[in-house]
C-alpha cells in the first residue's frame, strides 16, 4: 500500500478545499484510513478517519461540522472535504492507513503510530 495525497493549495479564509488520498500500489479496501495534519512548530494532530466500508467516520472535535471524510474504494481513494477554512487549519495534511479487515472501529485511531502506511502529505495554506 502506497499513499499519495493531492489537492492542497493556497486558499483564503472561508474557502473550501478537497484533499484526496490515493492508494497507488495495492488496494486499501480493507484498511481504515485517517487524515492527520501538522503545522510548523506544532504537534501532529488527528483530523478524521473512515472505516473500510465508508459507513463509519470519526472526527476530531475541532473539525466536526466543517470537515467531511469519505472514500471510494472502486477508485482506491479517500477524500477530505474541508469547508469554512481558517488560518489555523494551515498545515501539512497527510493520510495514513492501517489494515482493519472488516472492523468499523480500531484501536488508537487518533494516533499516528496506529498506522503502518502514510503518504508524504499535501500542503494547505489559508491566508488572505
Foldseek 3Di string as FASTA:
>chain_A
DAKDKDWADEAAQQAKTKMKIADPPDFQLQKKKFKWWDAPPDDIWTAKIFGSVQPDIGGDPVQPPFWDWGDDRVRRMIMIIGGRDDQVVWTFMKMFIDGDGRDGDDPPPTDPVRGPYMYPTDTHGYHD
